[in-house]
Amino acid sequence: MDAEGKGTGVISKAFNTGICSGTDKLREMKIVMDKHAGSDDAVTVYIGDSNADLPCLLHADIGIIIGNGKSIIETCTRVGIKVESGPKLGRILKKRDGDELLLYHFEDWNAIIRSGLLD
């Protein structure tokens, strides 16, 4: 970031700021989750579109892949993570379906809204 807060495109851990990787995203997600720990009705939903989002998608109660990110879907297939496309709200479960890791895939935000997940 420059002095005006605009992105410069430079990524460096030397600055020790910002979110630069999937590990950084997960660290920040855990910080937010820790703030809400202890709430019996809290459900964590993470929505991402790239392989860098995979750690958070798997850590959340419900992980949603959004868009046409073929790379992340191919990665999931390769490592044995089930991806269910466009489920309705009644079919959305937590991240495990028995012993199988489970993520959901929606084409766009409109599809997520139509699913009823955000109601």
N, C-alpha and C. Protein backbone atom coordinates (compact mmCIF):
# COMPACT_ATOMS: atom_id res chain seq x y z
N MET A 1 0.84 -1.17 0.00
CA MET A 1 0.00 0.00 0.00
C MET A 1 0.89 1.24 0.00
N ASP A 2 0.41 2.24 -0.69
CA ASP A 2 1.16 3.48 -0.66
C ASP A 2 0.65 4.36 0.48
N ALA A 3 1.16 5.57 0.59
CA ALA A 3 0.79 6.48 1.68
C ALA A 3 -0.70 6.84 1.67
N GLU A 4 -1.35 6.72 0.51
CA GLU A 4 -2.77 7.04 0.39
C GLU A 4 -3.65 5.81 0.59
N GLY A 5 -3.03 4.65 0.90
CA GLY A 5 -3.79 3.44 1.13
C GLY A 5 -4.18 2.69 -0.13
N LYS A 6 -3.57 3.05 -1.25
CA LYS A 6 -3.86 2.37 -2.52
C LYS A 6 -2.88 1.23 -2.73
N GLY A 7 -3.38 0.12 -3.28
CA GLY A 7 -2.52 -1.03 -3.54
C GLY A 7 -1.46 -0.72 -4.58
N THR A 8 -0.24 -1.17 -4.32
CA THR A 8 0.86 -0.93 -5.24
C THR A 8 1.17 -2.15 -6.08
N GLY A 9 0.62 -3.29 -5.71
CA GLY A 9 0.92 -4.53 -6.41
C GLY A 9 2.15 -5.23 -5.85
N VAL A 10 2.84 -4.61 -4.91
CA VAL A 10 4.03 -5.19 -4.32
C VAL A 10 3.60 -6.06 -3.14
N ILE A 11 4.04 -7.32 -3.17
CA ILE A 11 3.74 -8.23 -2.06
C ILE A 11 5.06 -8.63 -1.44
N SER A 12 5.18 -8.36 -0.15
CA SER A 12 6.41 -8.71 0.55
C SER A 12 6.11 -8.98 2.00
N LYS A 13 6.60 -10.09 2.50
CA LYS A 13 6.45 -10.39 3.93
C LYS A 13 7.30 -9.44 4.77
N ALA A 14 8.27 -8.76 4.14
CA ALA A 14 9.13 -7.84 4.88
C ALA A 14 8.33 -6.73 5.52
N PHE A 15 7.20 -6.36 4.91
CA PHE A 15 6.37 -5.32 5.48
C PHE A 15 5.55 -5.85 6.65
N ASN A 16 5.37 -7.20 6.71
CA ASN A 16 4.62 -7.85 7.77
C ASN A 16 3.22 -7.26 7.93
N THR A 17 2.59 -6.94 6.83
CA THR A 17 1.23 -6.43 6.86
C THR A 17 0.43 -7.11 5.77
N GLY A 18 -0.86 -7.08 5.91
CA GLY A 18 -1.73 -7.58 4.87
C GLY A 18 -1.85 -9.08 4.85
N ILE A 19 -2.61 -9.53 3.89
CA ILE A 19 -2.86 -10.95 3.71
C ILE A 19 -2.24 -11.35 2.38
N CYS A 20 -1.23 -12.20 2.42
CA CYS A 20 -0.47 -12.53 1.22
C CYS A 20 -0.64 -13.97 0.76
N SER A 21 -1.22 -14.83 1.58
CA SER A 21 -1.30 -16.25 1.21
C SER A 21 -2.52 -16.90 1.86
N GLY A 22 -2.76 -18.15 1.49
CA GLY A 22 -3.84 -18.91 2.11
C GLY A 22 -3.62 -19.07 3.61
N THR A 23 -2.36 -19.21 4.01
CA THR A 23 -2.03 -19.32 5.43
C THR A 23 -2.38 -18.03 6.16
N ASP A 24 -2.10 -16.89 5.53
CA ASP A 24 -2.44 -15.60 6.12
C ASP A 24 -3.96 -15.46 6.27
N LYS A 25 -4.70 -15.89 5.24
CA LYS A 25 -6.16 -15.82 5.30
C LYS A 25 -6.69 -16.67 6.45
N LEU A 26 -6.13 -17.87 6.60
CA LEU A 26 -6.58 -18.76 7.66
C LEU A 26 -6.27 -18.17 9.03
N ARG A 27 -5.10 -17.58 9.19
CA ARG A 27 -4.73 -16.95 10.46
C ARG A 27 -5.74 -15.86 10.83
N GLU A 28 -6.09 -15.01 9.86
CA GLU A 28 -7.05 -13.94 10.12
C GLU A 28 -8.44 -14.50 10.40
N MET A 29 -8.82 -15.54 9.69
CA MET A 29 -10.13 -16.16 9.91
C MET A 29 -10.22 -16.72 11.33
N LYS A 30 -9.15 -17.38 11.79
CA LYS A 30 -9.14 -17.94 13.14
C LYS A 30 -9.25 -16.84 14.19
N ILE A 31 -8.66 -15.69 13.94
CA ILE A 31 -8.76 -14.56 14.88
C ILE A 31 -10.22 -14.13 15.01
N VAL A 32 -10.90 -14.01 13.87
CA VAL A 32 -12.32 -13.62 13.89
C VAL A 32 -13.15 -14.69 14.57
N MET A 33 -12.88 -15.96 14.28
CA MET A 33 -13.64 -17.05 14.88
C MET A 33 -13.43 -17.10 16.39
N ASP A 34 -12.21 -16.84 16.84
CA ASP A 34 -11.94 -16.84 18.28
C ASP A 34 -12.74 -15.78 19.01
N LYS A 35 -12.99 -14.65 18.34
CA LYS A 35 -13.78 -13.57 18.95
C LYS A 35 -15.22 -14.01 19.19
N HIS A 36 -15.70 -14.96 18.39
CA HIS A 36 -17.09 -15.42 18.50
C HIS A 36 -17.19 -16.81 19.10
N ALA A 37 -16.10 -17.33 19.62
CA ALA A 37 -16.10 -18.67 20.22
C ALA A 37 -17.04 -18.69 21.42
N GLY A 38 -17.67 -19.82 21.60
CA GLY A 38 -18.57 -19.98 22.74
C GLY A 38 -20.02 -19.74 22.41
N SER A 39 -20.29 -19.18 21.24
CA SER A 39 -21.67 -18.97 20.82
C SER A 39 -22.18 -20.27 20.23
N ASP A 40 -23.19 -20.85 20.87
CA ASP A 40 -23.70 -22.16 20.45
C ASP A 40 -24.32 -22.15 19.05
N ASP A 41 -24.84 -21.00 18.63
CA ASP A 41 -25.52 -20.97 17.34
C ASP A 41 -24.68 -20.36 16.22
N ALA A 42 -23.40 -20.12 16.49
CA ALA A 42 -22.53 -19.54 15.47
C ALA A 42 -22.18 -20.58 14.42
N VAL A 43 -22.32 -20.21 13.17
CA VAL A 43 -21.94 -21.06 12.04
C VAL A 43 -21.02 -20.22 11.16
N THR A 44 -19.87 -20.77 10.85
CA THR A 44 -18.90 -20.06 10.02
C THR A 44 -19.10 -20.47 8.56
N VAL A 45 -19.28 -19.45 7.70
CA VAL A 45 -19.41 -19.67 6.26
C VAL A 45 -18.26 -18.91 5.60
N TYR A 46 -17.51 -19.59 4.76
CA TYR A 46 -16.43 -18.94 4.03
C TYR A 46 -16.70 -19.13 2.54
N ILE A 47 -16.57 -18.05 1.79
CA ILE A 47 -16.81 -18.08 0.35
C ILE A 47 -15.51 -17.65 -0.34
N GLY A 48 -15.02 -18.51 -1.22
CA GLY A 48 -13.77 -18.20 -1.90
C GLY A 48 -13.76 -18.72 -3.32
N ASP A 49 -12.75 -18.29 -4.08
CA ASP A 49 -12.71 -18.66 -5.49
C ASP A 49 -11.35 -19.14 -5.99
N SER A 50 -10.42 -19.39 -5.08
CA SER A 50 -9.10 -19.80 -5.53
C SER A 50 -8.48 -20.82 -4.57
N ASN A 51 -7.38 -21.43 -5.03
CA ASN A 51 -6.67 -22.38 -4.18
C ASN A 51 -6.17 -21.74 -2.89
N ALA A 52 -5.89 -20.44 -2.91
CA ALA A 52 -5.45 -19.75 -1.71
C ALA A 52 -6.56 -19.68 -0.66
N ASP A 53 -7.81 -19.88 -1.08
CA ASP A 53 -8.93 -19.88 -0.14
C ASP A 53 -9.18 -21.26 0.47
N LEU A 54 -8.55 -22.29 -0.07
CA LEU A 54 -8.85 -23.66 0.36
C LEU A 54 -8.67 -23.89 1.86
N PRO A 55 -7.61 -23.41 2.51
CA PRO A 55 -7.50 -23.63 3.96
C PRO A 55 -8.71 -23.08 4.73
N CYS A 56 -9.18 -21.91 4.36
CA CYS A 56 -10.35 -21.32 5.04
C CYS A 56 -11.63 -22.05 4.69
N LEU A 57 -11.78 -22.45 3.43
CA LEU A 57 -12.96 -23.20 3.02
C LEU A 57 -13.09 -24.48 3.84
N LEU A 58 -11.98 -25.14 4.09
CA LEU A 58 -12.00 -26.39 4.84
C LEU A 58 -12.16 -26.17 6.34
N HIS A 59 -11.72 -25.04 6.84
CA HIS A 59 -11.81 -24.74 8.27
C HIS A 59 -13.21 -24.27 8.67
N ALA A 60 -13.92 -23.66 7.76
CA ALA A 60 -15.27 -23.13 8.04
C ALA A 60 -16.26 -24.28 8.22
N ASP A 61 -17.36 -23.98 8.90
CA ASP A 61 -18.44 -24.98 9.01
C ASP A 61 -19.01 -25.27 7.63
N ILE A 62 -19.18 -24.22 6.83
CA ILE A 62 -19.69 -24.35 5.47
C ILE A 62 -18.72 -23.61 4.55
N GLY A 63 -18.16 -24.34 3.59
CA GLY A 63 -17.24 -23.75 2.62
C GLY A 63 -17.89 -23.69 1.26
N ILE A 64 -17.89 -22.51 0.65
CA ILE A 64 -18.53 -22.32 -0.64
C ILE A 64 -17.51 -21.79 -1.65
N ILE A 65 -17.38 -22.53 -2.75
CA ILE A 65 -16.56 -22.07 -3.88
C ILE A 65 -17.50 -21.29 -4.79
N ILE A 66 -17.09 -20.08 -5.15
CA ILE A 66 -17.93 -19.24 -6.00
C ILE A 66 -17.22 -18.99 -7.32
N GLY A 67 -17.99 -18.94 -8.39
CA GLY A 67 -17.44 -18.59 -9.69
C GLY A 67 -17.00 -19.79 -10.50
N ASN A 68 -16.22 -19.50 -11.52
CA ASN A 68 -15.80 -20.52 -12.47
C ASN A 68 -14.36 -20.96 -12.24
N GLY A 69 -13.90 -20.88 -11.00
CA GLY A 69 -12.52 -21.24 -10.69
C GLY A 69 -12.24 -22.72 -10.87
N LYS A 70 -11.87 -23.09 -12.08
CA LYS A 70 -11.62 -24.50 -12.38
C LYS A 70 -10.46 -25.05 -11.57
N SER A 71 -9.47 -24.23 -11.29
CA SER A 71 -8.28 -24.69 -10.58
C SER A 71 -8.63 -25.24 -9.20
N ILE A 72 -9.43 -24.52 -8.44
CA ILE A 72 -9.75 -24.98 -7.09
C ILE A 72 -10.62 -26.24 -7.13
N ILE A 73 -11.53 -26.32 -8.08
CA ILE A 73 -12.37 -27.51 -8.20
C ILE A 73 -11.52 -28.71 -8.61
N GLU A 74 -10.58 -28.49 -9.53
CA GLU A 74 -9.67 -29.57 -9.93
C GLU A 74 -8.81 -30.02 -8.75
N THR A 75 -8.35 -29.08 -7.94
CA THR A 75 -7.56 -29.42 -6.76
C THR A 75 -8.38 -30.27 -5.80
N CYS A 76 -9.61 -29.85 -5.56
CA CYS A 76 -10.48 -30.62 -4.66
C CYS A 76 -10.67 -32.04 -5.16
N THR A 77 -10.92 -32.19 -6.45
CA THR A 77 -11.12 -33.51 -7.04
C THR A 77 -9.85 -34.35 -6.87
N ARG A 78 -8.72 -33.75 -7.12
CA ARG A 78 -7.44 -34.47 -7.04
C ARG A 78 -7.14 -34.98 -5.64
N VAL A 79 -7.52 -34.21 -4.60
CA VAL A 79 -7.18 -34.60 -3.23
C VAL A 79 -8.36 -35.24 -2.49
N GLY A 80 -9.46 -35.49 -3.19
CA GLY A 80 -10.57 -36.22 -2.59
C GLY A 80 -11.56 -35.41 -1.79
N ILE A 81 -11.68 -34.13 -2.10
CA ILE A 81 -12.68 -33.27 -1.46
C ILE A 81 -13.90 -33.20 -2.37
N LYS A 82 -15.05 -33.61 -1.87
CA LYS A 82 -16.29 -33.61 -2.66
C LYS A 82 -16.78 -32.18 -2.81
N VAL A 83 -17.20 -31.82 -4.02
CA VAL A 83 -17.77 -30.50 -4.30
C VAL A 83 -19.17 -30.72 -4.87
N GLU A 84 -20.16 -30.20 -4.16
CA GLU A 84 -21.55 -30.31 -4.61
C GLU A 84 -21.96 -28.99 -5.25
N SER A 85 -22.48 -29.05 -6.46
CA SER A 85 -22.84 -27.83 -7.19
C SER A 85 -24.26 -27.40 -6.90
N GLY A 86 -24.42 -26.11 -6.58
CA GLY A 86 -25.71 -25.45 -6.46
C GLY A 86 -26.77 -26.09 -5.59
N PRO A 87 -26.44 -26.54 -4.38
CA PRO A 87 -27.47 -27.16 -3.55
C PRO A 87 -28.49 -26.14 -3.05
N LYS A 88 -29.64 -26.62 -2.71
CA LYS A 88 -30.65 -25.78 -2.05
C LYS A 88 -30.34 -25.76 -0.56
N LEU A 89 -30.89 -24.80 0.17
CA LEU A 89 -30.58 -24.62 1.57
C LEU A 89 -30.77 -25.90 2.39
N GLY A 90 -31.84 -26.62 2.15
CA GLY A 90 -32.10 -27.82 2.93
C GLY A 90 -31.04 -28.89 2.77
N ARG A 91 -30.24 -28.80 1.71
CA ARG A 91 -29.20 -29.79 1.47
C ARG A 91 -27.83 -29.34 1.96
N ILE A 92 -27.73 -28.09 2.40
CA ILE A 92 -26.43 -27.60 2.85
C ILE A 92 -26.16 -28.13 4.25
N LEU A 93 -25.07 -28.84 4.37
CA LEU A 93 -24.66 -29.44 5.61
C LEU A 93 -23.40 -28.76 6.10
N LYS A 94 -22.89 -29.20 7.21
CA LYS A 94 -21.57 -28.72 7.60
C LYS A 94 -20.54 -29.35 6.67
N LYS A 95 -19.27 -29.07 6.90
CA LYS A 95 -18.24 -29.41 5.91
C LYS A 95 -17.97 -30.89 5.74
N ARG A 96 -18.53 -31.73 6.55
CA ARG A 96 -18.30 -33.16 6.38
C ARG A 96 -19.61 -33.87 6.07
N ASP A 97 -19.54 -34.75 5.14
CA ASP A 97 -20.67 -35.61 4.80
C ASP A 97 -20.21 -37.01 5.16
N GLY A 98 -20.48 -37.41 6.40
CA GLY A 98 -19.89 -38.65 6.90
C GLY A 98 -18.41 -38.42 7.10
N ASP A 99 -17.60 -39.25 6.49
CA ASP A 99 -16.14 -39.09 6.59
C ASP A 99 -15.56 -38.27 5.45
N GLU A 100 -16.41 -37.83 4.55
CA GLU A 100 -15.96 -37.15 3.34
C GLU A 100 -15.99 -35.63 3.53
N LEU A 101 -14.88 -34.97 3.18
CA LEU A 101 -14.88 -33.50 3.19
C LEU A 101 -15.83 -33.03 2.11
N LEU A 102 -16.56 -31.94 2.39
CA LEU A 102 -17.59 -31.48 1.47
C LEU A 102 -17.57 -29.97 1.37
N LEU A 103 -17.47 -29.47 0.15
CA LEU A 103 -17.60 -28.05 -0.14
C LEU A 103 -18.74 -27.88 -1.13
N TYR A 104 -19.22 -26.66 -1.27
CA TYR A 104 -20.32 -26.37 -2.18
C TYR A 104 -19.83 -25.41 -3.25
N HIS A 105 -20.44 -25.48 -4.44
CA HIS A 105 -20.05 -24.61 -5.54
C HIS A 105 -21.28 -23.90 -6.09
N PHE A 106 -21.18 -22.59 -6.20
CA PHE A 106 -22.22 -21.76 -6.81
C PHE A 106 -21.55 -20.90 -7.88
N GLU A 107 -22.26 -20.67 -8.97
CA GLU A 107 -21.71 -19.88 -10.08
C GLU A 107 -21.51 -18.41 -9.70
N ASP A 108 -22.42 -17.85 -8.90
CA ASP A 108 -22.32 -16.43 -8.58
C ASP A 108 -23.14 -16.13 -7.31
N TRP A 109 -23.10 -14.86 -6.90
CA TRP A 109 -23.82 -14.44 -5.68
C TRP A 109 -25.32 -14.64 -5.82
N ASN A 110 -25.87 -14.42 -7.02
CA ASN A 110 -27.31 -14.62 -7.22
C ASN A 110 -27.71 -16.06 -6.93
N ALA A 111 -26.89 -17.01 -7.33
CA ALA A 111 -27.18 -18.42 -7.05
C ALA A 111 -27.14 -18.70 -5.55
N ILE A 112 -26.21 -18.07 -4.85
CA ILE A 112 -26.16 -18.24 -3.39
C ILE A 112 -27.42 -17.68 -2.75
N ILE A 113 -27.84 -16.50 -3.20
CA ILE A 113 -29.05 -15.86 -2.65
C ILE A 113 -30.27 -16.73 -2.94
N ARG A 114 -30.38 -17.24 -4.15
CA ARG A 114 -31.52 -18.10 -4.50
C ARG A 114 -31.54 -19.40 -3.69
N SER A 115 -30.38 -19.85 -3.21
CA SER A 115 -30.33 -21.09 -2.45
C SER A 115 -31.00 -20.95 -1.09
N GLY A 116 -31.13 -19.71 -0.59
CA GLY A 116 -31.71 -19.49 0.72
C GLY A 116 -30.69 -19.48 1.84
N LEU A 117 -29.42 -19.68 1.53
CA LEU A 117 -28.38 -19.73 2.55
C LEU A 117 -28.32 -18.46 3.38
N LEU A 118 -28.55 -17.33 2.76
CA LEU A 118 -28.41 -16.04 3.44
C LEU A 118 -29.69 -15.55 4.10
N ASP A 119 -30.77 -16.34 4.04
CA ASP A 119 -32.04 -15.93 4.64
C ASP A 119 -31.97 -15.96 6.15
